[in-house]
Amino acid sequence: MKREVLLSSRAQSEFADLDKRTRERIRNSLERFSSSGRGDLKKLRGVHDGPDLYRLRVGDYRVVFDLSPAQIRVTRIIHRGAGYDWL
């Protein structure tokens, strides 16, 4: 079953700031993951007071999201050097 992909307002802004090629790679990776569950996925540790978060690696970028059976809710799209201090 294919999951619906939703982007937070912050993730939408981060996505819009990327170059066209990177946006396409991220869009394709999210599409593939939503339909097949395939991708470089890792559960994030140390997340407090909230849903479990996961990251999908897409080249130099990380797509951070939480999962439900029907949805992928993207909270951030960050460059790999940005780190996860915001968690």
PDB file of N, CA and C in Angstrom:
ATOM      1  N   MET A   1       0.846  -1.186   0.000  1.00  0.00           N
ATOM      2  CA  MET A   1       0.000   0.000   0.000  1.00  0.00           C
ATOM      3  C   MET A   1       0.888   1.244   0.000  1.00  0.00           C
ATOM      4  N   LYS A   2       0.574   2.160  -0.846  1.00  0.00           N
ATOM      5  CA  LYS A   2       1.349   3.385  -0.969  1.00  0.00           C
ATOM      6  C   LYS A   2       0.935   4.377   0.117  1.00  0.00           C
ATOM      7  N   ARG A   3       1.936   4.968   0.773  1.00  0.00           N
ATOM      8  CA  ARG A   3       1.673   5.975   1.801  1.00  0.00           C
ATOM      9  C   ARG A   3       1.630   7.364   1.169  1.00  0.00           C
ATOM     10  N   GLU A   4       0.801   8.211   1.737  1.00  0.00           N
ATOM     11  CA  GLU A   4       0.724   9.608   1.318  1.00  0.00           C
ATOM     12  C   GLU A   4       1.908  10.358   1.928  1.00  0.00           C
ATOM     13  N   VAL A   5       2.552  11.235   1.155  1.00  0.00           N
ATOM     14  CA  VAL A   5       3.688  12.022   1.635  1.00  0.00           C
ATOM     15  C   VAL A   5       3.218  13.448   1.910  1.00  0.00           C
ATOM     16  N   LEU A   6       3.417  13.896   3.154  1.00  0.00           N
ATOM     17  CA  LEU A   6       3.049  15.254   3.550  1.00  0.00           C
ATOM     18  C   LEU A   6       4.300  15.980   4.034  1.00  0.00           C
ATOM     19  N   LEU A   7       4.460  17.240   3.654  1.00  0.00           N
ATOM     20  CA  LEU A   7       5.596  18.040   4.082  1.00  0.00           C
ATOM     21  C   LEU A   7       5.124  19.133   5.029  1.00  0.00           C
ATOM     22  N   SER A   8       5.847  19.310   6.129  1.00  0.00           N
ATOM     23  CA  SER A   8       5.551  20.415   7.037  1.00  0.00           C
ATOM     24  C   SER A   8       5.881  21.719   6.315  1.00  0.00           C
ATOM     25  N   SER A   9       5.434  22.841   6.849  1.00  0.00           N
ATOM     26  CA  SER A   9       5.723  24.120   6.209  1.00  0.00           C
ATOM     27  C   SER A   9       7.233  24.371   6.160  1.00  0.00           C
ATOM     28  N   ARG A  10       7.941  23.965   7.193  1.00  0.00           N
ATOM     29  CA  ARG A  10       9.397  24.128   7.205  1.00  0.00           C
ATOM     30  C   ARG A  10      10.049  23.248   6.144  1.00  0.00           C
ATOM     31  N   ALA A  11       9.606  22.010   6.019  1.00  0.00           N
ATOM     32  CA  ALA A  11      10.152  21.104   5.007  1.00  0.00           C
ATOM     33  C   ALA A  11       9.832  21.622   3.598  1.00  0.00           C
ATOM     34  N   GLN A  12       8.650  22.194   3.408  1.00  0.00           N
ATOM     35  CA  GLN A  12       8.296  22.778   2.114  1.00  0.00           C
ATOM     36  C   GLN A  12       9.254  23.901   1.748  1.00  0.00           C
ATOM     37  N   SER A  13       9.566  24.735   2.715  1.00  0.00           N
ATOM     38  CA  SER A  13      10.492  25.843   2.494  1.00  0.00           C
ATOM     39  C   SER A  13      11.899  25.311   2.178  1.00  0.00           C
ATOM     40  N   GLU A  14      12.349  24.331   2.938  1.00  0.00           N
ATOM     41  CA  GLU A  14      13.672  23.747   2.709  1.00  0.00           C
ATOM     42  C   GLU A  14      13.734  23.075   1.332  1.00  0.00           C
ATOM     43  N   PHE A  15      12.659  22.400   0.943  1.00  0.00           N
ATOM     44  CA  PHE A  15      12.576  21.748  -0.360  1.00  0.00           C
ATOM     45  C   PHE A  15      12.639  22.780  -1.485  1.00  0.00           C
ATOM     46  N   ALA A  16      11.914  23.875  -1.342  1.00  0.00           N
ATOM     47  CA  ALA A  16      11.879  24.919  -2.368  1.00  0.00           C
ATOM     48  C   ALA A  16      13.230  25.598  -2.552  1.00  0.00           C
ATOM     49  N   ASP A  17      14.042  25.631  -1.512  1.00  0.00           N
ATOM     50  CA  ASP A  17      15.357  26.275  -1.578  1.00  0.00           C
ATOM     51  C   ASP A  17      16.416  25.424  -2.284  1.00  0.00           C
ATOM     52  N   LEU A  18      16.112  24.166  -2.554  1.00  0.00           N
ATOM     53  CA  LEU A  18      17.082  23.264  -3.191  1.00  0.00           C
ATOM     54  C   LEU A  18      17.099  23.466  -4.704  1.00  0.00           C
ATOM     55  N   ASP A  19      18.211  23.061  -5.322  1.00  0.00           N
ATOM     56  CA  ASP A  19      18.280  23.134  -6.782  1.00  0.00           C
ATOM     57  C   ASP A  19      17.367  22.066  -7.389  1.00  0.00           C
ATOM     58  N   LYS A  20      17.040  22.239  -8.658  1.00  0.00           N
ATOM     59  CA  LYS A  20      16.067  21.382  -9.325  1.00  0.00           C
ATOM     60  C   LYS A  20      16.468  19.901  -9.295  1.00  0.00           C
ATOM     61  N   ARG A  21      17.745  19.609  -9.547  1.00  0.00           N
ATOM     62  CA  ARG A  21      18.202  18.216  -9.570  1.00  0.00           C
ATOM     63  C   ARG A  21      18.039  17.558  -8.202  1.00  0.00           C
ATOM     64  N   THR A  22      18.385  18.273  -7.146  1.00  0.00           N
ATOM     65  CA  THR A  22      18.255  17.724  -5.794  1.00  0.00           C
ATOM     66  C   THR A  22      16.788  17.516  -5.438  1.00  0.00           C
ATOM     67  N   ARG A  23      15.930  18.462  -5.809  1.00  0.00           N
ATOM     68  CA  ARG A  23      14.487  18.294  -5.558  1.00  0.00           C
ATOM     69  C   ARG A  23      13.960  17.036  -6.239  1.00  0.00           C
ATOM     70  N   GLU A  24      14.381  16.807  -7.483  1.00  0.00           N
ATOM     71  CA  GLU A  24      13.934  15.612  -8.203  1.00  0.00           C
ATOM     72  C   GLU A  24      14.413  14.336  -7.519  1.00  0.00           C
ATOM     73  N   ARG A  25      15.661  14.326  -7.065  1.00  0.00           N
ATOM     74  CA  ARG A  25      16.197  13.137  -6.375  1.00  0.00           C
ATOM     75  C   ARG A  25      15.423  12.859  -5.093  1.00  0.00           C
ATOM     76  N   ILE A  26      15.133  13.909  -4.338  1.00  0.00           N
ATOM     77  CA  ILE A  26      14.384  13.737  -3.090  1.00  0.00           C
ATOM     78  C   ILE A  26      12.961  13.279  -3.391  1.00  0.00           C
ATOM     79  N   ARG A  27      12.323  13.897  -4.369  1.00  0.00           N
ATOM     80  CA  ARG A  27      10.963  13.515  -4.743  1.00  0.00           C
ATOM     81  C   ARG A  27      10.924  12.042  -5.173  1.00  0.00           C
ATOM     82  N   ASN A  28      11.877  11.625  -6.007  1.00  0.00           N
ATOM     83  CA  ASN A  28      11.919  10.238  -6.468  1.00  0.00           C
ATOM     84  C   ASN A  28      12.176   9.264  -5.319  1.00  0.00           C
ATOM     85  N   SER A  29      13.066   9.633  -4.405  1.00  0.00           N
ATOM     86  CA  SER A  29      13.357   8.763  -3.256  1.00  0.00           C
ATOM     87  C   SER A  29      12.148   8.617  -2.345  1.00  0.00           C
ATOM     88  N   LEU A  30      11.439   9.711  -2.098  1.00  0.00           N
ATOM     89  CA  LEU A  30      10.224   9.638  -1.278  1.00  0.00           C
ATOM     90  C   LEU A  30       9.135   8.825  -1.972  1.00  0.00           C
ATOM     91  N   GLU A  31       9.016   8.983  -3.279  1.00  0.00           N
ATOM     92  CA  GLU A  31       8.029   8.213  -4.040  1.00  0.00           C
ATOM     93  C   GLU A  31       8.340   6.720  -3.954  1.00  0.00           C
ATOM     94  N   ARG A  32       9.616   6.362  -4.143  1.00  0.00           N
ATOM     95  CA  ARG A  32      10.023   4.955  -4.069  1.00  0.00           C
ATOM     96  C   ARG A  32       9.783   4.398  -2.664  1.00  0.00           C
ATOM     97  N   PHE A  33      10.158   5.166  -1.635  1.00  0.00           N
ATOM     98  CA  PHE A  33       9.959   4.687  -0.272  1.00  0.00           C
ATOM     99  C   PHE A  33       8.473   4.549   0.061  1.00  0.00           C
ATOM    100  N   SER A  34       7.661   5.508  -0.379  1.00  0.00           N
ATOM    101  CA  SER A  34       6.231   5.457  -0.050  1.00  0.00           C
ATOM    102  C   SER A  34       5.531   4.266  -0.692  1.00  0.00           C
ATOM    103  N   SER A  35       6.017   3.839  -1.851  1.00  0.00           N
ATOM    104  CA  SER A  35       5.350   2.730  -2.524  1.00  0.00           C
ATOM    105  C   SER A  35       5.961   1.363  -2.205  1.00  0.00           C
ATOM    106  N   SER A  36       7.284   1.317  -1.931  1.00  0.00           N
ATOM    107  CA  SER A  36       7.915   0.017  -1.747  1.00  0.00           C
ATOM    108  C   SER A  36       8.600  -0.166  -0.394  1.00  0.00           C
ATOM    109  N   GLY A  37       8.826   0.934   0.339  1.00  0.00           N
ATOM    110  CA  GLY A  37       9.547   0.839   1.598  1.00  0.00           C
ATOM    111  C   GLY A  37      11.051   0.725   1.409  1.00  0.00           C
ATOM    112  N   ARG A  38      11.519   0.930   0.174  1.00  0.00           N
ATOM    113  CA  ARG A  38      12.942   0.799  -0.127  1.00  0.00           C
ATOM    114  C   ARG A  38      13.641   2.146  -0.030  1.00  0.00           C
ATOM    115  N   GLY A  39      14.854   2.120   0.499  1.00  0.00           N
ATOM    116  CA  GLY A  39      15.667   3.320   0.600  1.00  0.00           C
ATOM    117  C   GLY A  39      16.646   3.179   1.749  1.00  0.00           C
ATOM    118  N   ASP A  40      17.575   4.112   1.844  1.00  0.00           N
ATOM    119  CA  ASP A  40      18.562   4.110   2.930  1.00  0.00           C
ATOM    120  C   ASP A  40      17.904   4.759   4.146  1.00  0.00           C
ATOM    121  N   LEU A  41      17.243   3.947   4.934  1.00  0.00           N
ATOM    122  CA  LEU A  41      16.421   4.405   6.057  1.00  0.00           C
ATOM    123  C   LEU A  41      17.101   4.054   7.380  1.00  0.00           C
ATOM    124  N   LYS A  42      16.965   4.952   8.334  1.00  0.00           N
ATOM    125  CA  LYS A  42      17.504   4.693   9.663  1.00  0.00           C
ATOM    126  C   LYS A  42      16.587   5.356  10.690  1.00  0.00           C
ATOM    127  N   LYS A  43      16.312   4.627  11.769  1.00  0.00           N
ATOM    128  CA  LYS A  43      15.542   5.200  12.872  1.00  0.00           C
ATOM    129  C   LYS A  43      16.466   6.081  13.699  1.00  0.00           C
ATOM    130  N   LEU A  44      16.013   7.278  14.026  1.00  0.00           N
ATOM    131  CA  LEU A  44      16.825   8.210  14.800  1.00  0.00           C
ATOM    132  C   LEU A  44      16.693   7.911  16.280  1.00  0.00           C
ATOM    133  N   ARG A  45      17.810   7.957  16.963  1.00  0.00           N
ATOM    134  CA  ARG A  45      17.817   7.731  18.409  1.00  0.00           C
ATOM    135  C   ARG A  45      17.828   9.072  19.130  1.00  0.00           C
ATOM    136  N   GLY A  46      17.384   9.067  20.367  1.00  0.00           N
ATOM    137  CA  GLY A  46      17.442  10.268  21.193  1.00  0.00           C
ATOM    138  C   GLY A  46      16.315  11.246  20.953  1.00  0.00           C
ATOM    139  N   VAL A  47      15.244  10.802  20.315  1.00  0.00           N
ATOM    140  CA  VAL A  47      14.105  11.677  20.084  1.00  0.00           C
ATOM    141  C   VAL A  47      13.228  11.647  21.333  1.00  0.00           C
ATOM    142  N   HIS A  48      12.956  12.809  21.883  1.00  0.00           N
ATOM    143  CA  HIS A  48      12.195  12.903  23.134  1.00  0.00           C
ATOM    144  C   HIS A  48      10.790  13.459  22.894  1.00  0.00           C
ATOM    145  N   ASP A  49       9.841  12.982  23.658  1.00  0.00           N
ATOM    146  CA  ASP A  49       8.483  13.533  23.705  1.00  0.00           C
ATOM    147  C   ASP A  49       7.861  13.726  22.329  1.00  0.00           C
ATOM    148  N   GLY A  50       7.819  12.705  21.559  1.00  0.00           N
ATOM    149  CA  GLY A  50       7.200  12.804  20.245  1.00  0.00           C
ATOM    150  C   GLY A  50       7.219  11.465  19.545  1.00  0.00           C
ATOM    151  N   PRO A  51       6.753  11.455  18.319  1.00  0.00           N
ATOM    152  CA  PRO A  51       6.735  10.198  17.565  1.00  0.00           C
ATOM    153  C   PRO A  51       8.158   9.786  17.184  1.00  0.00           C
ATOM    154  N   ASP A  52       8.325   8.504  16.893  1.00  0.00           N
ATOM    155  CA  ASP A  52       9.606   8.029  16.392  1.00  0.00           C
ATOM    156  C   ASP A  52       9.899   8.725  15.069  1.00  0.00           C
ATOM    157  N   LEU A  53      11.133   9.168  14.902  1.00  0.00           N
ATOM    158  CA  LEU A  53      11.537   9.811  13.667  1.00  0.00           C
ATOM    159  C   LEU A  53      12.518   8.924  12.917  1.00  0.00           C
ATOM    160  N   TYR A  54      12.484   9.046  11.615  1.00  0.00           N
ATOM    161  CA  TYR A  54      13.356   8.301  10.731  1.00  0.00           C
ATOM    162  C   TYR A  54      14.037   9.278   9.787  1.00  0.00           C
ATOM    163  N   ARG A  55      15.164   8.837   9.219  1.00  0.00           N
ATOM    164  CA  ARG A  55      15.799   9.649   8.198  1.00  0.00           C
ATOM    165  C   ARG A  55      16.018   8.802   6.964  1.00  0.00           C
ATOM    166  N   LEU A  56      15.803   9.432   5.830  1.00  0.00           N
ATOM    167  CA  LEU A  56      16.039   8.820   4.535  1.00  0.00           C
ATOM    168  C   LEU A  56      17.213   9.561   3.912  1.00  0.00           C
ATOM    169  N   ARG A  57      18.279   8.840   3.607  1.00  0.00           N
ATOM    170  CA  ARG A  57      19.463   9.475   3.023  1.00  0.00           C
ATOM    171  C   ARG A  57      19.278   9.578   1.522  1.00  0.00           C
ATOM    172  N   VAL A  58      19.450  10.807   1.017  1.00  0.00           N
ATOM    173  CA  VAL A  58      19.375  11.071  -0.418  1.00  0.00           C
ATOM    174  C   VAL A  58      20.609  11.892  -0.777  1.00  0.00           C
ATOM    175  N   GLY A  59      21.669  11.225  -1.178  1.00  0.00           N
ATOM    176  CA  GLY A  59      22.918  11.923  -1.481  1.00  0.00           C
ATOM    177  C   GLY A  59      23.434  12.656  -0.253  1.00  0.00           C
ATOM    178  N   ASP A  60      23.659  13.962  -0.391  1.00  0.00           N
ATOM    179  CA  ASP A  60      24.153  14.783   0.715  1.00  0.00           C
ATOM    180  C   ASP A  60      23.041  15.309   1.606  1.00  0.00           C
ATOM    181  N   TYR A  61      21.795  14.911   1.352  1.00  0.00           N
ATOM    182  CA  TYR A  61      20.661  15.414   2.122  1.00  0.00           C
ATOM    183  C   TYR A  61      20.005  14.310   2.929  1.00  0.00           C
ATOM    184  N   ARG A  62      19.353  14.730   4.005  1.00  0.00           N
ATOM    185  CA  ARG A  62      18.627  13.817   4.872  1.00  0.00           C
ATOM    186  C   ARG A  62      17.187  14.302   4.982  1.00  0.00           C
ATOM    187  N   VAL A  63      16.259  13.411   4.722  1.00  0.00           N
ATOM    188  CA  VAL A  63      14.835  13.710   4.845  1.00  0.00           C
ATOM    189  C   VAL A  63      14.387  13.089   6.166  1.00  0.00           C
ATOM    190  N   VAL A  64      13.943  13.913   7.100  1.00  0.00           N
ATOM    191  CA  VAL A  64      13.551  13.453   8.429  1.00  0.00           C
ATOM    192  C   VAL A  64      12.023  13.425   8.483  1.00  0.00           C
ATOM    193  N   PHE A  65      11.466  12.315   8.958  1.00  0.00           N
ATOM    194  CA  PHE A  65      10.007  12.165   8.949  1.00  0.00           C
ATOM    195  C   PHE A  65       9.548  11.189  10.013  1.00  0.00           C
ATOM    196  N   ASP A  66       8.241  11.209  10.259  1.00  0.00           N
ATOM    197  CA  ASP A  66       7.636  10.167  11.081  1.00  0.00           C
ATOM    198  C   ASP A  66       6.666   9.388  10.207  1.00  0.00           C
ATOM    199  N   LEU A  67       6.422   8.154  10.597  1.00  0.00           N
ATOM    200  CA  LEU A  67       5.618   7.222   9.802  1.00  0.00           C
ATOM    201  C   LEU A  67       4.327   6.861  10.504  1.00  0.00           C
ATOM    202  N   SER A  68       3.305   6.718   9.717  1.00  0.00           N
ATOM    203  CA  SER A  68       2.072   6.080  10.172  1.00  0.00           C
ATOM    204  C   SER A  68       1.724   5.069   9.080  1.00  0.00           C
ATOM    205  N   PRO A  69       0.765   4.204   9.310  1.00  0.00           N
ATOM    206  CA  PRO A  69       0.444   3.210   8.278  1.00  0.00           C
ATOM    207  C   PRO A  69       0.025   3.826   6.944  1.00  0.00           C
ATOM    208  N   ALA A  70      -0.529   5.031   6.960  1.00  0.00           N
ATOM    209  CA  ALA A  70      -1.021   5.636   5.727  1.00  0.00           C
ATOM    210  C   ALA A  70      -0.227   6.856   5.270  1.00  0.00           C
ATOM    211  N   GLN A  71       0.674   7.383   6.121  1.00  0.00           N
ATOM    212  CA  GLN A  71       1.338   8.638   5.780  1.00  0.00           C
ATOM    213  C   GLN A  71       2.816   8.647   6.140  1.00  0.00           C
ATOM    214  N   ILE A  72       3.541   9.475   5.395  1.00  0.00           N
ATOM    215  CA  ILE A  72       4.913   9.860   5.707  1.00  0.00           C
ATOM    216  C   ILE A  72       4.855  11.362   5.929  1.00  0.00           C
ATOM    217  N   ARG A  73       5.115  11.809   7.158  1.00  0.00           N
ATOM    218  CA  ARG A  73       5.043  13.238   7.474  1.00  0.00           C
ATOM    219  C   ARG A  73       6.463  13.782   7.610  1.00  0.00           C
ATOM    220  N   VAL A  74       6.925  14.483   6.567  1.00  0.00           N
ATOM    221  CA  VAL A  74       8.282  15.011   6.516  1.00  0.00           C
ATOM    222  C   VAL A  74       8.350  16.269   7.375  1.00  0.00           C
ATOM    223  N   THR A  75       9.297  16.283   8.320  1.00  0.00           N
ATOM    224  CA  THR A  75       9.448  17.449   9.194  1.00  0.00           C
ATOM    225  C   THR A  75      10.604  18.338   8.779  1.00  0.00           C
ATOM    226  N   ARG A  76      11.673  17.743   8.226  1.00  0.00           N
ATOM    227  CA  ARG A  76      12.857  18.524   7.826  1.00  0.00           C
ATOM    228  C   ARG A  76      13.523  17.886   6.622  1.00  0.00           C
ATOM    229  N   ILE A  77      14.189  18.716   5.827  1.00  0.00           N
ATOM    230  CA  ILE A  77      15.072  18.274   4.759  1.00  0.00           C
ATOM    231  C   ILE A  77      16.354  19.054   4.982  1.00  0.00           C
ATOM    232  N   ILE A  78      17.407  18.357   5.418  1.00  0.00           N
ATOM    233  CA  ILE A  78      18.634  19.045   5.829  1.00  0.00           C
ATOM    234  C   ILE A  78      19.849  18.492   5.103  1.00  0.00           C
ATOM    235  N   HIS A  79      20.859  19.332   4.972  1.00  0.00           N
ATOM    236  CA  HIS A  79      22.131  18.890   4.424  1.00  0.00           C
ATOM    237  C   HIS A  79      22.818  18.025   5.478  1.00  0.00           C
ATOM    238  N   ARG A  80      23.562  17.046   5.036  1.00  0.00           N
ATOM    239  CA  ARG A  80      24.170  16.093   5.978  1.00  0.00           C
ATOM    240  C   ARG A  80      25.078  16.765   6.996  1.00  0.00           C
ATOM    241  N   GLY A  81      25.644  17.906   6.684  1.00  0.00           N
ATOM    242  CA  GLY A  81      26.532  18.607   7.618  1.00  0.00           C
ATOM    243  C   GLY A  81      25.807  19.427   8.653  1.00  0.00           C
ATOM    244  N   ALA A  82      24.501  19.595   8.478  1.00  0.00           N
ATOM    245  CA  ALA A  82      23.725  20.447   9.397  1.00  0.00           C
ATOM    246  C   ALA A  82      23.548  19.804  10.757  1.00  0.00           C
ATOM    247  N   GLY A  83      23.556  18.490  10.837  1.00  0.00           N
ATOM    248  CA  GLY A  83      23.398  17.806  12.107  1.00  0.00           C
ATOM    249  C   GLY A  83      21.950  17.770  12.579  1.00  0.00           C
ATOM    250  N   TYR A  84      21.775  17.156  13.731  1.00  0.00           N
ATOM    251  CA  TYR A  84      20.439  16.931  14.254  1.00  0.00           C
ATOM    252  C   TYR A  84      20.252  17.621  15.603  1.00  0.00           C
ATOM    253  N   ASP A  85      20.936  18.737  15.835  1.00  0.00           N
ATOM    254  CA  ASP A  85      20.839  19.453  17.107  1.00  0.00           C
ATOM    255  C   ASP A  85      19.437  19.943  17.407  1.00  0.00           C
ATOM    256  N   TRP A  86      18.629  20.121  16.376  1.00  0.00           N
ATOM    257  CA  TRP A  86      17.268  20.649  16.531  1.00  0.00           C
ATOM    258  C   TRP A  86      16.319  19.632  17.159  1.00  0.00           C
ATOM    259  N   LEU A  87      16.732  18.357  17.231  1.00  0.00           N
ATOM    260  CA  LEU A  87      15.833  17.325  17.791  1.00  0.00           C
ATOM    261  C   LEU A  87      15.547  17.563  19.239  1.00  0.00           C
TER     262      LEU A  87
END
